[in-house]
C-alpha atoms as a PDB file:
ATOM      1  CA  UNK A   1      97.229 112.357 120.439  1.00  0.00           C
ATOM      2  CA  UNK A   2     100.625 111.263 121.835  1.00  0.00           C
ATOM      3  CA  UNK A   3     103.804 112.251 119.901  1.00  0.00           C
ATOM      4  CA  UNK A   4     106.704 109.611 119.730  1.00  0.00           C
ATOM      5  CA  UNK A   5     110.375 110.097 118.955  1.00  0.00           C
ATOM      6  CA  UNK A   6     110.827 108.916 115.493  1.00  0.00           C
ATOM      7  CA  UNK A   7     114.321 107.923 116.253  1.00  0.00           C
ATOM      8  CA  UNK A   8     113.307 105.240 118.916  1.00  0.00           C
ATOM      9  CA  UNK A   9     113.486 101.682 117.553  1.00  0.00           C
ATOM     10  CA  UNK A  10     110.082 100.606 118.823  1.00  0.00           C
ATOM     11  CA  UNK A  11     108.721  97.008 118.167  1.00  0.00           C
ATOM     12  CA  UNK A  12     105.776  96.701 115.899  1.00  0.00           C
ATOM     13  CA  UNK A  13     102.484  94.864 116.671  1.00  0.00           C
ATOM     14  CA  UNK A  14     103.566  91.822 114.886  1.00  0.00           C
ATOM     15  CA  UNK A  15     106.701  91.714 117.145  1.00  0.00           C
ATOM     16  CA  UNK A  16     104.766  92.177 120.223  1.00  0.00           C
ATOM     17  CA  UNK A  17     102.899  89.524 122.326  1.00  0.00           C
ATOM     18  CA  UNK A  18      99.206  89.395 121.540  1.00  0.00           C
ATOM     19  CA  UNK A  19      98.256  88.237 125.078  1.00  0.00           C
ATOM     20  CA  UNK A  20      99.223  88.803 128.718  1.00  0.00           C
ATOM     21  CA  UNK A  21      98.824  85.037 129.240  1.00  0.00           C
ATOM     22  CA  UNK A  22      96.384  85.823 132.081  1.00  0.00           C
ATOM     23  CA  UNK A  23      93.070  84.030 131.810  1.00  0.00           C
ATOM     24  CA  UNK A  24      89.907  85.795 132.357  1.00  0.00           C
ATOM     25  CA  UNK A  25      88.201  84.418 135.488  1.00  0.00           C
ATOM     26  CA  UNK A  26      84.608  85.501 134.748  1.00  0.00           C
ATOM     27  CA  UNK A  27      82.544  84.243 131.874  1.00  0.00           C
ATOM     28  CA  UNK A  28      81.223  87.635 131.432  1.00  0.00           C
ATOM     29  CA  UNK A  29      84.347  89.494 130.932  1.00  0.00           C
ATOM     30  CA  UNK A  30      84.607  88.797 127.180  1.00  0.00           C
ATOM     31  CA  UNK A  31      80.869  88.777 126.258  1.00  0.00           C
ATOM     32  CA  UNK A  32      79.997  92.076 127.861  1.00  0.00           C
ATOM     33  CA  UNK A  33      82.664  93.932 125.788  1.00  0.00           C
ATOM     34  CA  UNK A  34      81.776  91.688 122.632  1.00  0.00           C
ATOM     35  CA  UNK A  35      78.182  92.923 122.836  1.00  0.00           C
ATOM     36  CA  UNK A  36      79.198  96.495 122.720  1.00  0.00           C
ATOM     37  CA  UNK A  37      81.406  95.708 119.666  1.00  0.00           C
ATOM     38  CA  UNK A  38      78.583  93.830 117.887  1.00  0.00           C
ATOM     39  CA  UNK A  39      76.132  96.814 118.350  1.00  0.00           C
ATOM     40  CA  UNK A  40      78.872  99.182 116.834  1.00  0.00           C
ATOM     41  CA  UNK A  41      79.500  96.912 114.044  1.00  0.00           C
ATOM     42  CA  UNK A  42      75.887  97.297 113.094  1.00  0.00           C
ATOM     43  CA  UNK A  43      75.314 100.852 114.070  1.00  0.00           C
ATOM     44  CA  UNK A  44      78.559 102.238 112.358  1.00  0.00           C
ATOM     45  CA  UNK A  45      78.789  99.558 109.689  1.00  0.00           C
ATOM     46  CA  UNK A  46      79.350 102.373 106.997  1.00  0.00           C
ATOM     47  CA  UNK A  47      82.085 104.082 109.025  1.00  0.00           C
ATOM     48  CA  UNK A  48      85.634 103.074 108.776  1.00  0.00           C
ATOM     49  CA  UNK A  49      87.199 105.428 111.282  1.00  0.00           C
ATOM     50  CA  UNK A  50      86.811 103.332 114.596  1.00  0.00           C
ATOM     51  CA  UNK A  51      88.156 100.203 116.420  1.00  0.00           C
ATOM     52  CA  UNK A  52      86.880  98.300 119.332  1.00  0.00           C
ATOM     53  CA  UNK A  53      89.179  95.748 120.984  1.00  0.00           C
ATOM     54  CA  UNK A  54      88.139  93.035 123.122  1.00  0.00           C
ATOM     55  CA  UNK A  55      90.585  91.665 125.792  1.00  0.00           C
ATOM     56  CA  UNK A  56      93.506  93.152 123.535  1.00  0.00           C
ATOM     57  CA  UNK A  57      96.736  94.553 124.832  1.00  0.00           C
ATOM     58  CA  UNK A  58      97.354  98.368 124.514  1.00  0.00           C
ATOM     59  CA  UNK A  59     100.980  99.129 124.141  1.00  0.00           C
ATOM     60  CA  UNK A  60     101.652 102.804 125.094  1.00  0.00           C
ATOM     61  CA  UNK A  61     104.778 103.007 127.136  1.00  0.00           C
ATOM     62  CA  UNK A  62     107.950 103.591 125.041  1.00  0.00           C
ATOM     63  CA  UNK A  63     110.234 102.977 128.126  1.00  0.00           C
ATOM     64  CA  UNK A  64     108.725  99.474 128.653  1.00  0.00           C
ATOM     65  CA  UNK A  65     107.529  98.822 125.106  1.00  0.00           C
ATOM     66  CA  UNK A  66     106.729  95.254 125.627  1.00  0.00           C
ATOM     67  CA  UNK A  67     104.582  95.743 128.620  1.00  0.00           C
ATOM     68  CA  UNK A  68     100.813  96.141 127.697  1.00  0.00           C
ATOM     69  CA  UNK A  69      97.813  97.192 129.579  1.00  0.00           C
ATOM     70  CA  UNK A  70      94.929  94.865 128.794  1.00  0.00           C
ATOM     71  CA  UNK A  71      91.389  96.189 129.392  1.00  0.00           C
ATOM     72  CA  UNK A  72      88.331  94.074 128.820  1.00  0.00           C
ATOM     73  CA  UNK A  73      87.322  96.394 126.045  1.00  0.00           C
ATOM     74  CA  UNK A  74      88.329  99.726 124.566  1.00  0.00           C
ATOM     75  CA  UNK A  75      87.070 102.012 121.757  1.00  0.00           C
ATOM     76  CA  UNK A  76      89.425 104.201 119.586  1.00  0.00           C
ATOM     77  CA  UNK A  77      88.100 106.833 117.107  1.00  0.00           C
ATOM     78  CA  UNK A  78      89.765 108.410 114.137  1.00  0.00           C
ATOM     79  CA  UNK A  79      91.798 105.320 113.446  1.00  0.00           C
ATOM     80  CA  UNK A  80      91.366 102.897 110.527  1.00  0.00           C
ATOM     81  CA  UNK A  81      88.799 100.152 111.090  1.00  0.00           C
ATOM     82  CA  UNK A  82      91.413  97.729 109.638  1.00  0.00           C
ATOM     83  CA  UNK A  83      95.082  98.224 109.084  1.00  0.00           C
ATOM     84  CA  UNK A  84      96.421  96.700 105.841  1.00  0.00           C
ATOM     85  CA  UNK A  85      99.947  95.994 107.401  1.00  0.00           C
ATOM     86  CA  UNK A  86      98.417  93.264 109.650  1.00  0.00           C
ATOM     87  CA  UNK A  87      96.827  91.307 106.785  1.00  0.00           C
ATOM     88  CA  UNK A  88      93.628  89.273 107.251  1.00  0.00           C
ATOM     89  CA  UNK A  89      94.330  88.548 110.901  1.00  0.00           C
ATOM     90  CA  UNK A  90      93.664  92.032 111.969  1.00  0.00           C
ATOM     91  CA  UNK A  91      95.304  93.853 114.751  1.00  0.00           C
ATOM     92  CA  UNK A  92      97.136  91.453 117.079  1.00  0.00           C
ATOM     93  CA  UNK A  93      97.290  94.398 119.623  1.00  0.00           C
ATOM     94  CA  UNK A  94      96.819  98.179 119.774  1.00  0.00           C
ATOM     95  CA  UNK A  95     100.219  99.723 119.517  1.00  0.00           C
ATOM     96  CA  UNK A  96     100.051 103.671 120.102  1.00  0.00           C
ATOM     97  CA  UNK A  97     102.988 104.327 117.970  1.00  0.00           C
ATOM     98  CA  UNK A  98     101.416 102.447 115.052  1.00  0.00           C
ATOM     99  CA  UNK A  99      98.237 104.215 115.624  1.00  0.00           C
ATOM    100  CA  UNK A 100      99.354 107.843 115.056  1.00  0.00           C
ATOM    101  CA  UNK A 101      99.631 108.105 118.890  1.00  0.00           C
ATOM    102  CA  UNK A 102      95.719 108.017 119.148  1.00  0.00           C
ATOM    103  CA  UNK A 103      94.752 106.904 122.671  1.00  0.00           C
ATOM    104  CA  UNK A 104      91.537 104.988 122.969  1.00  0.00           C
ATOM    105  CA  UNK A 105      88.556 107.307 123.870  1.00  0.00           C
ATOM    106  CA  UNK A 106      87.040 104.750 126.211  1.00  0.00           C
ATOM    107  CA  UNK A 107      88.140 101.618 128.216  1.00  0.00           C
ATOM    108  CA  UNK A 108      85.996  99.159 129.910  1.00  0.00           C
ATOM    109  CA  UNK A 109      86.925  96.877 132.920  1.00  0.00           C
ATOM    110  CA  UNK A 110      84.393  94.076 134.079  1.00  0.00           C
ATOM    111  CA  UNK A 111      84.700  93.492 137.841  1.00  0.00           C
ATOM    112  CA  UNK A 112      85.044  89.724 138.508  1.00  0.00           C
ATOM    113  CA  UNK A 113      85.081  87.814 141.944  1.00  0.00           C
ATOM    114  CA  UNK A 114      88.754  88.137 142.067  1.00  0.00           C
ATOM    115  CA  UNK A 115      89.315  91.806 142.409  1.00  0.00           C
ATOM    116  CA  UNK A 116      91.702  93.311 139.967  1.00  0.00           C
ATOM    117  CA  UNK A 117      92.150  96.893 141.119  1.00  0.00           C
ATOM    118  CA  UNK A 118      89.526  98.305 138.803  1.00  0.00           C
ATOM    119  CA  UNK A 119      88.605 101.114 141.342  1.00  0.00           C
ATOM    120  CA  UNK A 120      92.294 102.252 142.217  1.00  0.00           C
ATOM    121  CA  UNK A 121      95.243 100.859 140.348  1.00  0.00           C
ATOM    122  CA  UNK A 122      93.641 100.386 137.037  1.00  0.00           C
ATOM    123  CA  UNK A 123      91.888 103.580 137.415  1.00  0.00           C
ATOM    124  CA  UNK A 124      95.240 105.334 138.040  1.00  0.00           C
ATOM    125  CA  UNK A 125      96.792 103.610 135.065  1.00  0.00           C
ATOM    126  CA  UNK A 126      94.255 104.701 132.632  1.00  0.00           C
ATOM    127  CA  UNK A 127      94.206 108.266 134.221  1.00  0.00           C
ATOM    128  CA  UNK A 128      97.912 108.509 133.541  1.00  0.00           C
ATOM    129  CA  UNK A 129      97.484 107.395 129.979  1.00  0.00           C
ATOM    130  CA  UNK A 130      94.829 110.214 129.536  1.00  0.00           C
ATOM    131  CA  UNK A 131      92.181 107.867 128.444  1.00  0.00           C
ATOM    132  CA  UNK A 132      89.075 110.099 128.146  1.00  0.00           C
ATOM    133  CA  UNK A 133      86.361 107.714 129.604  1.00  0.00           C
ATOM    134  CA  UNK A 134      87.001 104.986 132.035  1.00  0.00           C
ATOM    135  CA  UNK A 135      84.045 102.452 132.508  1.00  0.00           C
ATOM    136  CA  UNK A 136      83.742 100.015 135.426  1.00  0.00           C
ATOM    137  CA  UNK A 137      81.070  97.431 135.258  1.00  0.00           C
ATOM    138  CA  UNK A 138      80.347  95.134 138.189  1.00  0.00           C
ATOM    139  CA  UNK A 139      77.716  92.979 136.721  1.00  0.00           C
ATOM    140  CA  UNK A 140      77.301  90.661 139.870  1.00  0.00           C
ATOM    141  CA  UNK A 141      77.807  93.368 142.517  1.00  0.00           C
ATOM    142  CA  UNK A 142      81.152  91.936 143.833  1.00  0.00           C
ATOM    143  CA  UNK A 143      82.131  95.365 145.153  1.00  0.00           C
ATOM    144  CA  UNK A 144      78.885  96.614 146.987  1.00  0.00           C
ATOM    145  CA  UNK A 145      80.442  99.809 147.927  1.00  0.00           C
ATOM    146  CA  UNK A 146      80.494 100.745 144.312  1.00  0.00           C
ATOM    147  CA  UNK A 147      77.768 101.274 141.790  1.00  0.00           C
ATOM    148  CA  UNK A 148      77.063  98.514 139.428  1.00  0.00           C
ATOM    149  CA  UNK A 149      78.211 100.884 136.526  1.00  0.00           C
ATOM    150  CA  UNK A 150      80.575 103.723 137.016  1.00  0.00           C
ATOM    151  CA  UNK A 151      81.619 105.952 134.079  1.00  0.00           C
ATOM    152  CA  UNK A 152      84.448 108.390 134.763  1.00  0.00           C
ATOM    153  CA  UNK A 153      85.562 111.219 132.447  1.00  0.00           C
ATOM    154  CA  UNK A 154      89.001 112.845 132.463  1.00  0.00           C
ATOM    155  CA  UNK A 155      88.680 116.512 133.822  1.00  0.00           C
ATOM    156  CA  UNK A 156      91.816 118.578 134.276  1.00  0.00           C
ATOM    157  CA  UNK A 157      93.945 115.316 134.383  1.00  0.00           C
ATOM    158  CA  UNK A 158      91.764 113.471 136.928  1.00  0.00           C
ATOM    159  CA  UNK A 159      88.751 111.271 136.633  1.00  0.00           C
ATOM    160  CA  UNK A 160      85.439 112.551 137.698  1.00  0.00           C
ATOM    161  CA  UNK A 161      82.479 110.138 137.864  1.00  0.00           C
ATOM    162  CA  UNK A 162      79.525 110.902 135.682  1.00  0.00           C
ATOM    163  CA  UNK A 163      76.069 110.688 137.092  1.00  0.00           C
ATOM    164  CA  UNK A 164      72.738 109.375 135.529  1.00  0.00           C
ATOM    165  CA  UNK A 165      72.136 106.278 133.322  1.00  0.00           C
ATOM    166  CA  UNK A 166      72.452 105.821 130.502  1.00  0.00           C
ATOM    167  CA  UNK A 167      75.519 108.180 130.387  1.00  0.00           C
ATOM    168  CA  UNK A 168      75.775 110.403 127.487  1.00  0.00           C
ATOM    169  CA  UNK A 169      79.294 110.492 125.991  1.00  0.00           C
ATOM    170  CA  UNK A 170      79.269 113.554 123.661  1.00  0.00           C
ATOM    171  CA  UNK A 171      82.697 112.841 122.118  1.00  0.00           C
ATOM    172  CA  UNK A 172      81.423 109.341 121.066  1.00  0.00           C
ATOM    173  CA  UNK A 173      77.896 110.555 120.425  1.00  0.00           C
ATOM    174  CA  UNK A 174      76.511 107.591 122.158  1.00  0.00           C
ATOM    175  CA  UNK A 175      75.113 106.743 125.581  1.00  0.00           C
ATOM    176  CA  UNK A 176      76.244 103.836 127.658  1.00  0.00           C
ATOM    177  CA  UNK A 177      73.983 101.963 130.152  1.00  0.00           C
ATOM    178  CA  UNK A 178      72.394  98.692 131.481  1.00  0.00           C
ATOM    179  CA  UNK A 179      69.364  96.819 130.345  1.00  0.00           C
ATOM    180  CA  UNK A 180      68.034  93.201 130.387  1.00  0.00           C
ATOM    181  CA  UNK A 181      68.249  91.474 127.196  1.00  0.00           C
ATOM    182  CA  UNK A 182      68.891  88.093 125.448  1.00  0.00           C
ATOM    183  CA  UNK A 183      72.115  87.543 123.739  1.00  0.00           C
ATOM    184  CA  UNK A 184      73.007  84.187 122.075  1.00  0.00           C
ATOM    185  CA  UNK A 185      70.190  82.797 124.101  1.00  0.00           C
ATOM    186  CA  UNK A 186      71.593  84.256 127.304  1.00  0.00           C
ATOM    187  CA  UNK A 187      69.029  86.523 129.123  1.00  0.00           C
ATOM    188  CA  UNK A 188      70.408  88.691 131.948  1.00  0.00           C
ATOM    189  CA  UNK A 189      71.618  92.347 132.264  1.00  0.00           C
ATOM    190  CA  UNK A 190      73.957  93.634 129.691  1.00  0.00           C
ATOM    191  CA  UNK A 191      75.704  96.746 128.767  1.00  0.00           C
ATOM    192  CA  UNK A 192      74.149  98.635 125.669  1.00  0.00           C
ATOM    193  CA  UNK A 193      74.701 101.781 123.713  1.00  0.00           C
ATOM    194  CA  UNK A 194      71.817 104.235 123.644  1.00  0.00           C
ATOM    195  CA  UNK A 195      70.660 107.180 121.645  1.00  0.00           C
ATOM    196  CA  UNK A 196      70.767 110.676 123.078  1.00  0.00           C
ATOM    197  CA  UNK A 197      66.954 110.283 123.589  1.00  0.00           C
ATOM    198  CA  UNK A 198      67.577 107.107 125.726  1.00  0.00           C
ATOM    199  CA  UNK A 199      66.807 104.690 123.148  1.00  0.00           C
ATOM    200  CA  UNK A 200      68.526 101.350 123.442  1.00  0.00           C
ATOM    201  CA  UNK A 201      70.248 100.185 120.125  1.00  0.00           C
ATOM    202  CA  UNK A 202      69.713  96.707 119.259  1.00  0.00           C
ATOM    203  CA  UNK A 203      72.258  93.823 118.883  1.00  0.00           C
ATOM    204  CA  UNK A 204      72.549  92.325 115.590  1.00  0.00           C
ATOM    205  CA  UNK A 205      70.333  89.318 116.276  1.00  0.00           C
ATOM    206  CA  UNK A 206      67.382  91.586 117.438  1.00  0.00           C
ATOM    207  CA  UNK A 207      67.906  93.665 114.309  1.00  0.00           C
ATOM    208  CA  UNK A 208      67.700  90.599 112.245  1.00  0.00           C
ATOM    209  CA  UNK A 209      64.379  89.408 113.870  1.00  0.00           C
ATOM    210  CA  UNK A 210      62.971  92.887 113.386  1.00  0.00           C
ATOM    211  CA  UNK A 211      63.740  92.733 109.809  1.00  0.00           C
ATOM    212  CA  UNK A 212      62.303  89.341 109.434  1.00  0.00           C
ATOM    213  CA  UNK A 213      59.066  90.331 111.462  1.00  0.00           C
ATOM    214  CA  UNK A 214      58.786  93.564 109.295  1.00  0.00           C
ATOM    215  CA  UNK A 215      59.114  91.492 106.033  1.00  0.00           C
ATOM    216  CA  UNK A 216      56.477  89.004 107.385  1.00  0.00           C
ATOM    217  CA  UNK A 217      54.045  91.946 108.168  1.00  0.00           C
ATOM    218  CA  UNK A 218      54.620  93.505 104.823  1.00  0.00           C
ATOM    219  CA  UNK A 219      53.946  90.118 103.153  1.00  0.00           C
ATOM    220  CA  UNK A 220      50.754  89.607 105.242  1.00  0.00           C
ATOM    221  CA  UNK A 221      49.559  93.279 104.363  1.00  0.00           C
ATOM    222  CA  UNK A 222      50.077  92.707 100.599  1.00  0.00           C
ATOM    223  CA  UNK A 223      48.159  89.433 100.807  1.00  0.00           C
ATOM    224  CA  UNK A 224      45.313  91.192 102.554  1.00  0.00           C
ATOM    225  CA  UNK A 225      45.246  94.013 100.200  1.00  0.00           C
ATOM    226  CA  UNK A 226      45.253  91.540  97.190  1.00  0.00           C
ATOM    227  CA  UNK A 227      42.412  89.569  98.718  1.00  0.00           C
ATOM    228  CA  UNK A 228      40.382  92.863  99.288  1.00  0.00           C
ATOM    229  CA  UNK A 229      41.005  93.893  95.674  1.00  0.00           C
ATOM    230  CA  UNK A 230      39.933  90.469  94.366  1.00  0.00           C
ATOM    231  CA  UNK A 231      36.714  90.732  96.335  1.00  0.00           C
ATOM    232  CA  UNK A 232      35.786  94.157  95.031  1.00  0.00           C
ATOM    233  CA  UNK A 233      36.502  92.995  91.568  1.00  0.00           C
ATOM    234  CA  UNK A 234      34.219  89.990  92.043  1.00  0.00           C
ATOM    235  CA  UNK A 235      31.487  92.223  93.438  1.00  0.00           C
ATOM    236  CA  UNK A 236      31.784  94.101  90.051  1.00  0.00           C
ATOM    237  CA  UNK A 237      31.452  90.742  88.234  1.00  0.00           C
ATOM    238  CA  UNK A 238      34.905  91.077  87.012  1.00  0.00           C
ATOM    239  CA  UNK A 239      37.081  88.018  87.001  1.00  0.00           C
ATOM    240  CA  UNK A 240      40.496  89.100  88.682  1.00  0.00           C
ATOM    241  CA  UNK A 241      42.265  86.206  86.945  1.00  0.00           C
ATOM    242  CA  UNK A 242      41.550  87.875  83.550  1.00  0.00           C
ATOM    243  CA  UNK A 243      43.385  91.131  84.435  1.00  0.00           C
END
């Protein structure tokens, strides 16, 4: 948690820009983060102490309060899921001095064909902010000298890369890794959340299909049981329609 001088007149989220006006240059930059958010929305649907931002500005520098850093995605814990002061529009941005100084636990950068400094300048920026986990995902292998997925953890003020995949993040109590899947009809490799045992958590559309399949299976089972009972009653010369 970061402490701020209460005497400072810092702009509110409603006064700050909600975009850096820099367009994304890769179709995957927003969907990758959006998939992770969608899974959390299902997985943590009964929790109200988290927020996941997608392509949203983080304002954390009181000396330059109007200059944001904009990751492709980030996860904050121990903050309200919704803040009433922003109304129905939700957070226009993540302003640290309005979030009790709580820094995101995790930030995600998706590498595109146009290199954006994910492995050097952005890494240094998030390290200076003391973000606990810094995730870099290179879905197309644009930077072959790096792994497709790198997860860094802050250790004594510096990032250390974590090995293995999925990577278990104990403070978040989730694992993060890659797997092939279909999201909105798009079949390819995605980032997913995983259990400690390595089980991939489903996206909402998979969960809905699972529920529909389960309901259909239960209906078929009930129909088979009813048919079997009727046959037994008929063997006993009992008309099931009279029961």
